[in-house]
Amino acid sequence: MSQRDLVDLRDALRAFAAARDWDSYHTPKNLVMALSAEVGELTDLFQWLTPEEAENAMKDPELAWNVRDELADVMHYLTRLADKLGVDLVEAAFAKIDRNERRFPTGSLTPVHVEKGEL
């Protein structure tokens, strides 16, 4: 993992958009649509691979380059969307892990009901 963090990435994406006067186009709706499109492009890379081929995707130099590129696009749009909505992605992700710990206790195959407001 990189020593740089999501704050660095958020700030770089803000500066990139501002330098190109794109901020007005980076609405939550547009960012969600772009994020969805990029996830689709990532999905396309794996669509017809066998499970074994998918597990070894990063051993194929061309596929690995494309996977990294699409993951970066997904990360960029997700980070930009969270920034526009005022969501701390790291806090939200850890809160979701905590919620899932309560919903899916170890040793049990049956989920426990947790209210959405407990997120």
PDB file of N, CA and C in Angstrom:
ATOM      1  N   MET A   1       0.834  -1.189   0.000  1.00  0.00           N
ATOM      2  CA  MET A   1       0.000   0.000   0.000  1.00  0.00           C
ATOM      3  C   MET A   1       0.878   1.252   0.000  1.00  0.00           C
ATOM      4  N   SER A   2       0.363   2.269  -0.586  1.00  0.00           N
ATOM      5  CA  SER A   2       1.076   3.532  -0.709  1.00  0.00           C
ATOM      6  C   SER A   2       1.093   4.285   0.626  1.00  0.00           C
ATOM      7  N   GLN A   3       2.093   5.109   0.805  1.00  0.00           N
ATOM      8  CA  GLN A   3       2.151   5.971   1.980  1.00  0.00           C
ATOM      9  C   GLN A   3       1.211   7.159   1.841  1.00  0.00           C
ATOM     10  N   ARG A   4       0.823   7.434   0.607  1.00  0.00           N
ATOM     11  CA  ARG A   4      -0.131   8.523   0.401  1.00  0.00           C
ATOM     12  C   ARG A   4      -1.505   8.026   0.812  1.00  0.00           C
ATOM     13  N   ASP A   5      -2.403   8.954   1.149  1.00  0.00           N
ATOM     14  CA  ASP A   5      -3.704   8.531   1.644  1.00  0.00           C
ATOM     15  C   ASP A   5      -4.841   9.154   0.841  1.00  0.00           C
ATOM     16  N   LEU A   6      -6.058   8.899   1.288  1.00  0.00           N
ATOM     17  CA  LEU A   6      -7.227   9.404   0.570  1.00  0.00           C
ATOM     18  C   LEU A   6      -7.313  10.921   0.576  1.00  0.00           C
ATOM     19  N   VAL A   7      -6.785  11.557   1.601  1.00  0.00           N
ATOM     20  CA  VAL A   7      -6.779  13.024   1.623  1.00  0.00           C
ATOM     21  C   VAL A   7      -5.899  13.548   0.499  1.00  0.00           C
ATOM     22  N   ASP A   8      -4.727  12.938   0.320  1.00  0.00           N
ATOM     23  CA  ASP A   8      -3.844  13.336  -0.784  1.00  0.00           C
ATOM     24  C   ASP A   8      -4.543  13.145  -2.129  1.00  0.00           C
ATOM     25  N   LEU A   9      -5.196  11.987  -2.277  1.00  0.00           N
ATOM     26  CA  LEU A   9      -5.895  11.702  -3.531  1.00  0.00           C
ATOM     27  C   LEU A   9      -7.045  12.679  -3.746  1.00  0.00           C
ATOM     28  N   ARG A  10      -7.837  12.897  -2.706  1.00  0.00           N
ATOM     29  CA  ARG A  10      -8.948  13.855  -2.809  1.00  0.00           C
ATOM     30  C   ARG A  10      -8.441  15.222  -3.232  1.00  0.00           C
ATOM     31  N   ASP A  11      -7.376  15.680  -2.607  1.00  0.00           N
ATOM     32  CA  ASP A  11      -6.836  17.010  -2.920  1.00  0.00           C
ATOM     33  C   ASP A  11      -6.301  17.069  -4.348  1.00  0.00           C
ATOM     34  N   ALA A  12      -5.635  16.011  -4.792  1.00  0.00           N
ATOM     35  CA  ALA A  12      -5.127  15.978  -6.164  1.00  0.00           C
ATOM     36  C   ALA A  12      -6.278  15.991  -7.174  1.00  0.00           C
ATOM     37  N   LEU A  13      -7.342  15.243  -6.878  1.00  0.00           N
ATOM     38  CA  LEU A  13      -8.496  15.226  -7.784  1.00  0.00           C
ATOM     39  C   LEU A  13      -9.219  16.564  -7.796  1.00  0.00           C
ATOM     40  N   ARG A  14      -9.319  17.209  -6.647  1.00  0.00           N
ATOM     41  CA  ARG A  14      -9.903  18.558  -6.601  1.00  0.00           C
ATOM     42  C   ARG A  14      -9.105  19.509  -7.480  1.00  0.00           C
ATOM     43  N   ALA A  15      -7.782  19.481  -7.329  1.00  0.00           N
ATOM     44  CA  ALA A  15      -6.914  20.377  -8.108  1.00  0.00           C
ATOM     45  C   ALA A  15      -7.003  20.072  -9.597  1.00  0.00           C
ATOM     46  N   PHE A  16      -7.031  18.790  -9.950  1.00  0.00           N
ATOM     47  CA  PHE A  16      -7.134  18.385 -11.350  1.00  0.00           C
ATOM     48  C   PHE A  16      -8.424  18.919 -11.971  1.00  0.00           C
ATOM     49  N   ALA A  17      -9.538  18.745 -11.266  1.00  0.00           N
ATOM     50  CA  ALA A  17     -10.834  19.213 -11.778  1.00  0.00           C
ATOM     51  C   ALA A  17     -10.874  20.744 -11.850  1.00  0.00           C
ATOM     52  N   ALA A  18     -10.351  21.395 -10.836  1.00  0.00           N
ATOM     53  CA  ALA A  18     -10.368  22.862 -10.805  1.00  0.00           C
ATOM     54  C   ALA A  18      -9.533  23.449 -11.935  1.00  0.00           C
ATOM     55  N   ALA A  19      -8.390  22.861 -12.209  1.00  0.00           N
ATOM     56  CA  ALA A  19      -7.499  23.361 -13.265  1.00  0.00           C
ATOM     57  C   ALA A  19      -8.143  23.271 -14.640  1.00  0.00           C
ATOM     58  N   ARG A  20      -9.104  22.386 -14.793  1.00  0.00           N
ATOM     59  CA  ARG A  20      -9.777  22.186 -16.079  1.00  0.00           C
ATOM     60  C   ARG A  20     -11.197  22.754 -16.087  1.00  0.00           C
ATOM     61  N   ASP A  21     -11.560  23.402 -14.986  1.00  0.00           N
ATOM     62  CA  ASP A  21     -12.893  23.982 -14.826  1.00  0.00           C
ATOM     63  C   ASP A  21     -13.985  22.913 -14.975  1.00  0.00           C
ATOM     64  N   TRP A  22     -13.735  21.736 -14.416  1.00  0.00           N
ATOM     65  CA  TRP A  22     -14.678  20.621 -14.506  1.00  0.00           C
ATOM     66  C   TRP A  22     -15.587  20.511 -13.287  1.00  0.00           C
ATOM     67  N   ASP A  23     -15.327  21.309 -12.268  1.00  0.00           N
ATOM     68  CA  ASP A  23     -16.068  21.149 -11.018  1.00  0.00           C
ATOM     69  C   ASP A  23     -17.577  21.218 -11.213  1.00  0.00           C
ATOM     70  N   SER A  24     -18.030  22.077 -12.107  1.00  0.00           N
ATOM     71  CA  SER A  24     -19.482  22.204 -12.320  1.00  0.00           C
ATOM     72  C   SER A  24     -20.083  20.941 -12.936  1.00  0.00           C
ATOM     73  N   TYR A  25     -19.256  20.137 -13.586  1.00  0.00           N
ATOM     74  CA  TYR A  25     -19.739  18.890 -14.177  1.00  0.00           C
ATOM     75  C   TYR A  25     -19.682  17.727 -13.186  1.00  0.00           C
ATOM     76  N   HIS A  26     -18.931  17.912 -12.118  1.00  0.00           N
ATOM     77  CA  HIS A  26     -18.771  16.849 -11.132  1.00  0.00           C
ATOM     78  C   HIS A  26     -19.884  16.909 -10.086  1.00  0.00           C
ATOM     79  N   THR A  27     -21.095  16.721 -10.562  1.00  0.00           N
ATOM     80  CA  THR A  27     -22.250  16.642  -9.665  1.00  0.00           C
ATOM     81  C   THR A  27     -22.365  15.203  -9.170  1.00  0.00           C
ATOM     82  N   PRO A  28     -23.022  14.990  -8.034  1.00  0.00           N
ATOM     83  CA  PRO A  28     -23.188  13.611  -7.569  1.00  0.00           C
ATOM     84  C   PRO A  28     -23.801  12.693  -8.640  1.00  0.00           C
ATOM     85  N   LYS A  29     -24.810  13.166  -9.340  1.00  0.00           N
ATOM     86  CA  LYS A  29     -25.440  12.343 -10.379  1.00  0.00           C
ATOM     87  C   LYS A  29     -24.431  11.963 -11.461  1.00  0.00           C
ATOM     88  N   ASN A  30     -23.692  12.932 -11.955  1.00  0.00           N
ATOM     89  CA  ASN A  30     -22.721  12.650 -13.013  1.00  0.00           C
ATOM     90  C   ASN A  30     -21.596  11.746 -12.525  1.00  0.00           C
ATOM     91  N   LEU A  31     -21.158  11.957 -11.296  1.00  0.00           N
ATOM     92  CA  LEU A  31     -20.089  11.132 -10.754  1.00  0.00           C
ATOM     93  C   LEU A  31     -20.536   9.692 -10.533  1.00  0.00           C
ATOM     94  N   VAL A  32     -21.767   9.497 -10.079  1.00  0.00           N
ATOM     95  CA  VAL A  32     -22.293   8.135  -9.919  1.00  0.00           C
ATOM     96  C   VAL A  32     -22.374   7.451 -11.282  1.00  0.00           C
ATOM     97  N   MET A  33     -22.830   8.171 -12.291  1.00  0.00           N
ATOM     98  CA  MET A  33     -22.921   7.585 -13.628  1.00  0.00           C
ATOM     99  C   MET A  33     -21.535   7.218 -14.157  1.00  0.00           C
ATOM    100  N   ALA A  34     -20.566   8.095 -13.964  1.00  0.00           N
ATOM    101  CA  ALA A  34     -19.200   7.816 -14.417  1.00  0.00           C
ATOM    102  C   ALA A  34     -18.608   6.642 -13.637  1.00  0.00           C
ATOM    103  N   LEU A  35     -18.862   6.598 -12.334  1.00  0.00           N
ATOM    104  CA  LEU A  35     -18.386   5.488 -11.514  1.00  0.00           C
ATOM    105  C   LEU A  35     -18.956   4.166 -12.008  1.00  0.00           C
ATOM    106  N   SER A  36     -20.235   4.160 -12.295  1.00  0.00           N
ATOM    107  CA  SER A  36     -20.892   2.957 -12.798  1.00  0.00           C
ATOM    108  C   SER A  36     -20.279   2.517 -14.131  1.00  0.00           C
ATOM    109  N   ALA A  37     -20.006   3.460 -14.995  1.00  0.00           N
ATOM    110  CA  ALA A  37     -19.399   3.139 -16.293  1.00  0.00           C
ATOM    111  C   ALA A  37     -18.013   2.527 -16.108  1.00  0.00           C
ATOM    112  N   GLU A  38     -17.237   3.083 -15.192  1.00  0.00           N
ATOM    113  CA  GLU A  38     -15.886   2.562 -14.957  1.00  0.00           C
ATOM    114  C   GLU A  38     -15.923   1.177 -14.324  1.00  0.00           C
ATOM    115  N   VAL A  39     -16.883   0.932 -13.427  1.00  0.00           N
ATOM    116  CA  VAL A  39     -17.031  -0.410 -12.867  1.00  0.00           C
ATOM    117  C   VAL A  39     -17.398  -1.377 -13.993  1.00  0.00           C
ATOM    118  N   GLY A  40     -18.212  -0.922 -14.937  1.00  0.00           N
ATOM    119  CA  GLY A  40     -18.548  -1.747 -16.090  1.00  0.00           C
ATOM    120  C   GLY A  40     -17.319  -2.091 -16.918  1.00  0.00           C
ATOM    121  N   GLU A  41     -16.416  -1.131 -17.098  1.00  0.00           N
ATOM    122  CA  GLU A  41     -15.193  -1.397 -17.850  1.00  0.00           C
ATOM    123  C   GLU A  41     -14.302  -2.385 -17.112  1.00  0.00           C
ATOM    124  N   LEU A  42     -14.254  -2.298 -15.791  1.00  0.00           N
ATOM    125  CA  LEU A  42     -13.505  -3.259 -14.997  1.00  0.00           C
ATOM    126  C   LEU A  42     -14.143  -4.646 -15.104  1.00  0.00           C
ATOM    127  N   THR A  43     -15.451  -4.686 -15.027  1.00  0.00           N
ATOM    128  CA  THR A  43     -16.179  -5.946 -15.152  1.00  0.00           C
ATOM    129  C   THR A  43     -15.884  -6.600 -16.494  1.00  0.00           C
ATOM    130  N   ASP A  44     -15.831  -5.792 -17.534  1.00  0.00           N
ATOM    131  CA  ASP A  44     -15.578  -6.309 -18.884  1.00  0.00           C
ATOM    132  C   ASP A  44     -14.256  -7.068 -18.964  1.00  0.00           C
ATOM    133  N   LEU A  45     -13.269  -6.621 -18.199  1.00  0.00           N
ATOM    134  CA  LEU A  45     -11.958  -7.284 -18.223  1.00  0.00           C
ATOM    135  C   LEU A  45     -12.026  -8.706 -17.668  1.00  0.00           C
ATOM    136  N   PHE A  46     -12.979  -8.957 -16.774  1.00  0.00           N
ATOM    137  CA  PHE A  46     -13.071 -10.253 -16.106  1.00  0.00           C
ATOM    138  C   PHE A  46     -14.232 -11.113 -16.604  1.00  0.00           C
ATOM    139  N   GLN A  47     -15.094 -10.528 -17.418  1.00  0.00           N
ATOM    140  CA  GLN A  47     -16.361 -11.167 -17.764  1.00  0.00           C
ATOM    141  C   GLN A  47     -16.236 -12.611 -18.228  1.00  0.00           C
ATOM    142  N   TRP A  48     -15.350 -12.908 -19.113  1.00  0.00           N
ATOM    143  CA  TRP A  48     -15.282 -14.254 -19.690  1.00  0.00           C
ATOM    144  C   TRP A  48     -14.097 -15.063 -19.186  1.00  0.00           C
ATOM    145  N   LEU A  49     -13.453 -14.602 -18.132  1.00  0.00           N
ATOM    146  CA  LEU A  49     -12.343 -15.362 -17.562  1.00  0.00           C
ATOM    147  C   LEU A  49     -12.882 -16.474 -16.667  1.00  0.00           C
ATOM    148  N   THR A  50     -12.153 -17.556 -16.629  1.00  0.00           N
ATOM    149  CA  THR A  50     -12.477 -18.596 -15.655  1.00  0.00           C
ATOM    150  C   THR A  50     -12.063 -18.079 -14.272  1.00  0.00           C
ATOM    151  N   PRO A  51     -12.548 -18.704 -13.202  1.00  0.00           N
ATOM    152  CA  PRO A  51     -12.097 -18.280 -11.868  1.00  0.00           C
ATOM    153  C   PRO A  51     -10.567 -18.327 -11.731  1.00  0.00           C
ATOM    154  N   GLU A  52      -9.945 -19.326 -12.311  1.00  0.00           N
ATOM    155  CA  GLU A  52      -8.493 -19.446 -12.235  1.00  0.00           C
ATOM    156  C   GLU A  52      -7.800 -18.316 -13.012  1.00  0.00           C
ATOM    157  N   GLU A  53      -8.314 -18.018 -14.202  1.00  0.00           N
ATOM    158  CA  GLU A  53      -7.733 -16.913 -14.994  1.00  0.00           C
ATOM    159  C   GLU A  53      -7.886 -15.583 -14.256  1.00  0.00           C
ATOM    160  N   ALA A  54      -9.026 -15.388 -13.621  1.00  0.00           N
ATOM    161  CA  ALA A  54      -9.254 -14.143 -12.884  1.00  0.00           C
ATOM    162  C   ALA A  54      -8.282 -14.020 -11.709  1.00  0.00           C
ATOM    163  N   GLU A  55      -8.043 -15.117 -11.016  1.00  0.00           N
ATOM    164  CA  GLU A  55      -7.102 -15.088  -9.883  1.00  0.00           C
ATOM    165  C   GLU A  55      -5.679 -14.782 -10.343  1.00  0.00           C
ATOM    166  N   ASN A  56      -5.365 -15.114 -11.563  1.00  0.00           N
ATOM    167  CA  ASN A  56      -4.023 -14.888 -12.111  1.00  0.00           C
ATOM    168  C   ASN A  56      -3.944 -13.678 -13.032  1.00  0.00           C
ATOM    169  N   ALA A  57      -4.944 -12.829 -12.998  1.00  0.00           N
ATOM    170  CA  ALA A  57      -5.020 -11.688 -13.917  1.00  0.00           C
ATOM    171  C   ALA A  57      -3.786 -10.798 -13.851  1.00  0.00           C
ATOM    172  N   MET A  58      -3.224 -10.613 -12.668  1.00  0.00           N
ATOM    173  CA  MET A  58      -2.106  -9.695 -12.523  1.00  0.00           C
ATOM    174  C   MET A  58      -0.789 -10.293 -13.004  1.00  0.00           C
ATOM    175  N   LYS A  59      -0.802 -11.547 -13.434  1.00  0.00           N
ATOM    176  CA  LYS A  59       0.396 -12.173 -14.015  1.00  0.00           C
ATOM    177  C   LYS A  59       0.497 -11.931 -15.514  1.00  0.00           C
ATOM    178  N   ASP A  60      -0.601 -11.484 -16.117  1.00  0.00           N
ATOM    179  CA  ASP A  60      -0.632 -11.143 -17.544  1.00  0.00           C
ATOM    180  C   ASP A  60      -0.354  -9.645 -17.648  1.00  0.00           C
ATOM    181  N   PRO A  61       0.795  -9.237 -18.185  1.00  0.00           N
ATOM    182  CA  PRO A  61       1.168  -7.814 -18.174  1.00  0.00           C
ATOM    183  C   PRO A  61       0.119  -6.878 -18.788  1.00  0.00           C
ATOM    184  N   GLU A  62      -0.449  -7.248 -19.921  1.00  0.00           N
ATOM    185  CA  GLU A  62      -1.438  -6.365 -20.555  1.00  0.00           C
ATOM    186  C   GLU A  62      -2.712  -6.283 -19.723  1.00  0.00           C
ATOM    187  N   LEU A  63      -3.207  -7.420 -19.284  1.00  0.00           N
ATOM    188  CA  LEU A  63      -4.411  -7.427 -18.453  1.00  0.00           C
ATOM    189  C   LEU A  63      -4.154  -6.701 -17.140  1.00  0.00           C
ATOM    190  N   ALA A  64      -3.005  -6.916 -16.543  1.00  0.00           N
ATOM    191  CA  ALA A  64      -2.666  -6.254 -15.283  1.00  0.00           C
ATOM    192  C   ALA A  64      -2.672  -4.735 -15.445  1.00  0.00           C
ATOM    193  N   TRP A  65      -2.093  -4.252 -16.548  1.00  0.00           N
ATOM    194  CA  TRP A  65      -2.084  -2.807 -16.802  1.00  0.00           C
ATOM    195  C   TRP A  65      -3.509  -2.289 -16.896  1.00  0.00           C
ATOM    196  N   ASN A  66      -4.368  -2.992 -17.638  1.00  0.00           N
ATOM    197  CA  ASN A  66      -5.761  -2.569 -17.798  1.00  0.00           C
ATOM    198  C   ASN A  66      -6.535  -2.626 -16.484  1.00  0.00           C
ATOM    199  N   VAL A  67      -6.296  -3.653 -15.690  1.00  0.00           N
ATOM    200  CA  VAL A  67      -6.965  -3.765 -14.382  1.00  0.00           C
ATOM    201  C   VAL A  67      -6.566  -2.590 -13.497  1.00  0.00           C
ATOM    202  N   ARG A  68      -5.278  -2.300 -13.419  1.00  0.00           N
ATOM    203  CA  ARG A  68      -4.821  -1.151 -12.611  1.00  0.00           C
ATOM    204  C   ARG A  68      -5.448   0.150 -13.102  1.00  0.00           C
ATOM    205  N   ASP A  69      -5.500   0.319 -14.410  1.00  0.00           N
ATOM    206  CA  ASP A  69      -6.046   1.545 -14.990  1.00  0.00           C
ATOM    207  C   ASP A  69      -7.527   1.706 -14.643  1.00  0.00           C
ATOM    208  N   GLU A  70      -8.297   0.635 -14.764  1.00  0.00           N
ATOM    209  CA  GLU A  70      -9.733   0.715 -14.455  1.00  0.00           C
ATOM    210  C   GLU A  70      -9.974   0.853 -12.954  1.00  0.00           C
ATOM    211  N   LEU A  71      -9.172   0.157 -12.138  1.00  0.00           N
ATOM    212  CA  LEU A  71      -9.305   0.341 -10.690  1.00  0.00           C
ATOM    213  C   LEU A  71      -9.010   1.790 -10.300  1.00  0.00           C
ATOM    214  N   ALA A  72      -8.028   2.391 -10.952  1.00  0.00           N
ATOM    215  CA  ALA A  72      -7.722   3.800 -10.681  1.00  0.00           C
ATOM    216  C   ALA A  72      -8.905   4.681 -11.052  1.00  0.00           C
ATOM    217  N   ASP A  73      -9.524   4.426 -12.197  1.00  0.00           N
ATOM    218  CA  ASP A  73     -10.701   5.215 -12.587  1.00  0.00           C
ATOM    219  C   ASP A  73     -11.820   5.075 -11.558  1.00  0.00           C
ATOM    220  N   VAL A  74     -12.067   3.841 -11.110  1.00  0.00           N
ATOM    221  CA  VAL A  74     -13.102   3.600 -10.099  1.00  0.00           C
ATOM    222  C   VAL A  74     -12.759   4.367  -8.821  1.00  0.00           C
ATOM    223  N   MET A  75     -11.514   4.266  -8.393  1.00  0.00           N
ATOM    224  CA  MET A  75     -11.086   4.957  -7.178  1.00  0.00           C
ATOM    225  C   MET A  75     -11.223   6.466  -7.316  1.00  0.00           C
ATOM    226  N   HIS A  76     -10.866   6.989  -8.477  1.00  0.00           N
ATOM    227  CA  HIS A  76     -10.977   8.440  -8.694  1.00  0.00           C
ATOM    228  C   HIS A  76     -12.420   8.902  -8.581  1.00  0.00           C
ATOM    229  N   TYR A  77     -13.320   8.234  -9.299  1.00  0.00           N
ATOM    230  CA  TYR A  77     -14.716   8.671  -9.264  1.00  0.00           C
ATOM    231  C   TYR A  77     -15.352   8.438  -7.899  1.00  0.00           C
ATOM    232  N   LEU A  78     -15.015   7.346  -7.221  1.00  0.00           N
ATOM    233  CA  LEU A  78     -15.561   7.096  -5.891  1.00  0.00           C
ATOM    234  C   LEU A  78     -15.069   8.152  -4.905  1.00  0.00           C
ATOM    235  N   THR A  79     -13.793   8.478  -4.980  1.00  0.00           N
ATOM    236  CA  THR A  79     -13.226   9.497  -4.088  1.00  0.00           C
ATOM    237  C   THR A  79     -13.843  10.858  -4.365  1.00  0.00           C
ATOM    238  N   ARG A  80     -13.998  11.181  -5.630  1.00  0.00           N
ATOM    239  CA  ARG A  80     -14.584  12.481  -6.004  1.00  0.00           C
ATOM    240  C   ARG A  80     -16.044  12.551  -5.554  1.00  0.00           C
ATOM    241  N   LEU A  81     -16.806  11.472  -5.728  1.00  0.00           N
ATOM    242  CA  LEU A  81     -18.197  11.434  -5.294  1.00  0.00           C
ATOM    243  C   LEU A  81     -18.296  11.615  -3.784  1.00  0.00           C
ATOM    244  N   ALA A  82     -17.490  10.883  -3.040  1.00  0.00           N
ATOM    245  CA  ALA A  82     -17.505  11.013  -1.580  1.00  0.00           C
ATOM    246  C   ALA A  82     -17.158  12.435  -1.161  1.00  0.00           C
ATOM    247  N   ASP A  83     -16.197  13.043  -1.839  1.00  0.00           N
ATOM    248  CA  ASP A  83     -15.817  14.425  -1.542  1.00  0.00           C
ATOM    249  C   ASP A  83     -16.998  15.367  -1.766  1.00  0.00           C
ATOM    250  N   LYS A  84     -17.654  15.225  -2.897  1.00  0.00           N
ATOM    251  CA  LYS A  84     -18.792  16.098  -3.211  1.00  0.00           C
ATOM    252  C   LYS A  84     -19.937  15.922  -2.223  1.00  0.00           C
ATOM    253  N   LEU A  85     -20.099  14.698  -1.690  1.00  0.00           N
ATOM    254  CA  LEU A  85     -21.195  14.417  -0.760  1.00  0.00           C
ATOM    255  C   LEU A  85     -20.793  14.610   0.705  1.00  0.00           C
ATOM    256  N   GLY A  86     -19.524  14.910   0.938  1.00  0.00           N
ATOM    257  CA  GLY A  86     -19.055  15.106   2.305  1.00  0.00           C
ATOM    258  C   GLY A  86     -18.960  13.811   3.106  1.00  0.00           C
ATOM    259  N   VAL A  87     -18.692  12.706   2.426  1.00  0.00           N
ATOM    260  CA  VAL A  87     -18.585  11.410   3.083  1.00  0.00           C
ATOM    261  C   VAL A  87     -17.111  11.072   3.291  1.00  0.00           C
ATOM    262  N   ASP A  88     -16.751  10.714   4.516  1.00  0.00           N
ATOM    263  CA  ASP A  88     -15.409  10.227   4.816  1.00  0.00           C
ATOM    264  C   ASP A  88     -15.409   8.738   4.483  1.00  0.00           C
ATOM    265  N   LEU A  89     -14.784   8.378   3.364  1.00  0.00           N
ATOM    266  CA  LEU A  89     -14.815   7.001   2.893  1.00  0.00           C
ATOM    267  C   LEU A  89     -14.206   6.015   3.892  1.00  0.00           C
ATOM    268  N   VAL A  90     -13.119   6.394   4.519  1.00  0.00           N
ATOM    269  CA  VAL A  90     -12.471   5.485   5.462  1.00  0.00           C
ATOM    270  C   VAL A  90     -13.378   5.250   6.662  1.00  0.00           C
ATOM    271  N   GLU A  91     -13.956   6.308   7.196  1.00  0.00           N
ATOM    272  CA  GLU A  91     -14.873   6.151   8.332  1.00  0.00           C
ATOM    273  C   GLU A  91     -16.099   5.333   7.937  1.00  0.00           C
ATOM    274  N   ALA A  92     -16.647   5.603   6.766  1.00  0.00           N
ATOM    275  CA  ALA A  92     -17.822   4.856   6.300  1.00  0.00           C
ATOM    276  C   ALA A  92     -17.486   3.380   6.121  1.00  0.00           C
ATOM    277  N   ALA A  93     -16.302   3.084   5.585  1.00  0.00           N
ATOM    278  CA  ALA A  93     -15.900   1.689   5.365  1.00  0.00           C
ATOM    279  C   ALA A  93     -15.715   0.961   6.695  1.00  0.00           C
ATOM    280  N   PHE A  94     -15.083   1.599   7.669  1.00  0.00           N
ATOM    281  CA  PHE A  94     -14.905   0.958   8.968  1.00  0.00           C
ATOM    282  C   PHE A  94     -16.237   0.816   9.709  1.00  0.00           C
ATOM    283  N   ALA A  95     -17.120   1.790   9.548  1.00  0.00           N
ATOM    284  CA  ALA A  95     -18.452   1.667  10.152  1.00  0.00           C
ATOM    285  C   ALA A  95     -19.201   0.485   9.551  1.00  0.00           C
ATOM    286  N   LYS A  96     -19.035   0.271   8.261  1.00  0.00           N
ATOM    287  CA  LYS A  96     -19.683  -0.859   7.591  1.00  0.00           C
ATOM    288  C   LYS A  96     -19.096  -2.185   8.088  1.00  0.00           C
ATOM    289  N   ILE A  97     -17.786  -2.237   8.282  1.00  0.00           N
ATOM    290  CA  ILE A  97     -17.180  -3.449   8.837  1.00  0.00           C
ATOM    291  C   ILE A  97     -17.759  -3.725  10.224  1.00  0.00           C
ATOM    292  N   ASP A  98     -17.849  -2.684  11.061  1.00  0.00           N
ATOM    293  CA  ASP A  98     -18.413  -2.855  12.405  1.00  0.00           C
ATOM    294  C   ASP A  98     -19.845  -3.366  12.339  1.00  0.00           C
ATOM    295  N   ARG A  99     -20.625  -2.794  11.440  1.00  0.00           N
ATOM    296  CA  ARG A  99     -22.016  -3.233  11.286  1.00  0.00           C
ATOM    297  C   ARG A  99     -22.064  -4.694  10.835  1.00  0.00           C
ATOM    298  N   ASN A 100     -21.223  -5.056   9.880  1.00  0.00           N
ATOM    299  CA  ASN A 100     -21.194  -6.432   9.397  1.00  0.00           C
ATOM    300  C   ASN A 100     -20.703  -7.407  10.468  1.00  0.00           C
ATOM    301  N   GLU A 101     -19.816  -6.953  11.348  1.00  0.00           N
ATOM    302  CA  GLU A 101     -19.392  -7.795  12.469  1.00  0.00           C
ATOM    303  C   GLU A 101     -20.596  -8.171  13.331  1.00  0.00           C
ATOM    304  N   ARG A 102     -21.501  -7.228  13.552  1.00  0.00           N
ATOM    305  CA  ARG A 102     -22.709  -7.489  14.343  1.00  0.00           C
ATOM    306  C   ARG A 102     -23.718  -8.315  13.548  1.00  0.00           C
ATOM    307  N   ARG A 103     -23.819  -8.043  12.245  1.00  0.00           N
ATOM    308  CA  ARG A 103     -24.792  -8.756  11.403  1.00  0.00           C
ATOM    309  C   ARG A 103     -24.402 -10.205  11.165  1.00  0.00           C
ATOM    310  N   PHE A 104     -23.119 -10.468  11.027  1.00  0.00           N
ATOM    311  CA  PHE A 104     -22.627 -11.796  10.680  1.00  0.00           C
ATOM    312  C   PHE A 104     -21.621 -12.275  11.724  1.00  0.00           C
ATOM    313  N   PRO A 105     -22.106 -12.623  12.916  1.00  0.00           N
ATOM    314  CA  PRO A 105     -21.169 -13.073  13.958  1.00  0.00           C
ATOM    315  C   PRO A 105     -20.475 -14.366  13.540  1.00  0.00           C
ATOM    316  N   THR A 106     -19.248 -14.527  13.992  1.00  0.00           N
ATOM    317  CA  THR A 106     -18.505 -15.743  13.662  1.00  0.00           C
ATOM    318  C   THR A 106     -19.217 -16.942  14.268  1.00  0.00           C
ATOM    319  N   GLY A 107     -19.150 -18.048  13.552  1.00  0.00           N
ATOM    320  CA  GLY A 107     -19.770 -19.274  14.027  1.00  0.00           C
ATOM    321  C   GLY A 107     -21.248 -19.377  13.746  1.00  0.00           C
ATOM    322  N   SER A 108     -21.824 -18.366  13.093  1.00  0.00           N
ATOM    323  CA  SER A 108     -23.259 -18.389  12.797  1.00  0.00           C
ATOM    324  C   SER A 108     -23.455 -18.187  11.302  1.00  0.00           C
ATOM    325  N   LEU A 109     -24.314 -18.984  10.716  1.00  0.00           N
ATOM    326  CA  LEU A 109     -24.615 -18.824   9.295  1.00  0.00           C
ATOM    327  C   LEU A 109     -25.826 -17.921   9.079  1.00  0.00           C
ATOM    328  N   THR A 110     -26.510 -17.566  10.153  1.00  0.00           N
ATOM    329  CA  THR A 110     -27.717 -16.749  10.058  1.00  0.00           C
ATOM    330  C   THR A 110     -27.394 -15.301  10.398  1.00  0.00           C
ATOM    331  N   PRO A 111     -27.683 -14.362   9.481  1.00  0.00           N
ATOM    332  CA  PRO A 111     -27.432 -12.951   9.794  1.00  0.00           C
ATOM    333  C   PRO A 111     -28.333 -12.465  10.926  1.00  0.00           C
ATOM    334  N   VAL A 112     -27.841 -11.500  11.675  1.00  0.00           N
ATOM    335  CA  VAL A 112     -28.589 -10.853  12.741  1.00  0.00           C
ATOM    336  C   VAL A 112     -29.111  -9.535  12.194  1.00  0.00           C
ATOM    337  N   HIS A 113     -30.380  -9.211  12.462  1.00  0.00           N
ATOM    338  CA  HIS A 113     -30.952  -7.957  11.961  1.00  0.00           C
ATOM    339  C   HIS A 113     -30.312  -6.771  12.671  1.00  0.00           C
ATOM    340  N   VAL A 114     -29.814  -5.823  11.880  1.00  0.00           N
ATOM    341  CA  VAL A 114     -29.250  -4.585  12.402  1.00  0.00           C
ATOM    342  C   VAL A 114     -29.964  -3.447  11.687  1.00  0.00           C
ATOM    343  N   GLU A 115     -30.449  -2.491  12.450  1.00  0.00           N
ATOM    344  CA  GLU A 115     -31.157  -1.344  11.851  1.00  0.00           C
ATOM    345  C   GLU A 115     -30.201  -0.494  11.023  1.00  0.00           C
ATOM    346  N   LYS A 116     -30.716   0.044   9.915  1.00  0.00           N
ATOM    347  CA  LYS A 116     -29.884   0.885   9.035  1.00  0.00           C
ATOM    348  C   LYS A 116     -29.320   2.082   9.792  1.00  0.00           C
ATOM    349  N   GLY A 117     -30.061   2.631  10.708  1.00  0.00           N
ATOM    350  CA  GLY A 117     -29.594   3.781  11.484  1.00  0.00           C
ATOM    351  C   GLY A 117     -28.407   3.460  12.363  1.00  0.00           C
ATOM    352  N   GLU A 118     -28.082   2.188  12.530  1.00  0.00           N
ATOM    353  CA  GLU A 118     -26.943   1.800  13.352  1.00  0.00           C
ATOM    354  C   GLU A 118     -25.636   1.865  12.581  1.00  0.00           C
ATOM    355  N   LEU A 119     -25.695   2.204  11.297  1.00  0.00           N
ATOM    356  CA  LEU A 119     -24.477   2.318  10.492  1.00  0.00           C
ATOM    357  C   LEU A 119     -23.705   3.497  10.973  1.00  0.00           C
TER     358      LEU A 119
END
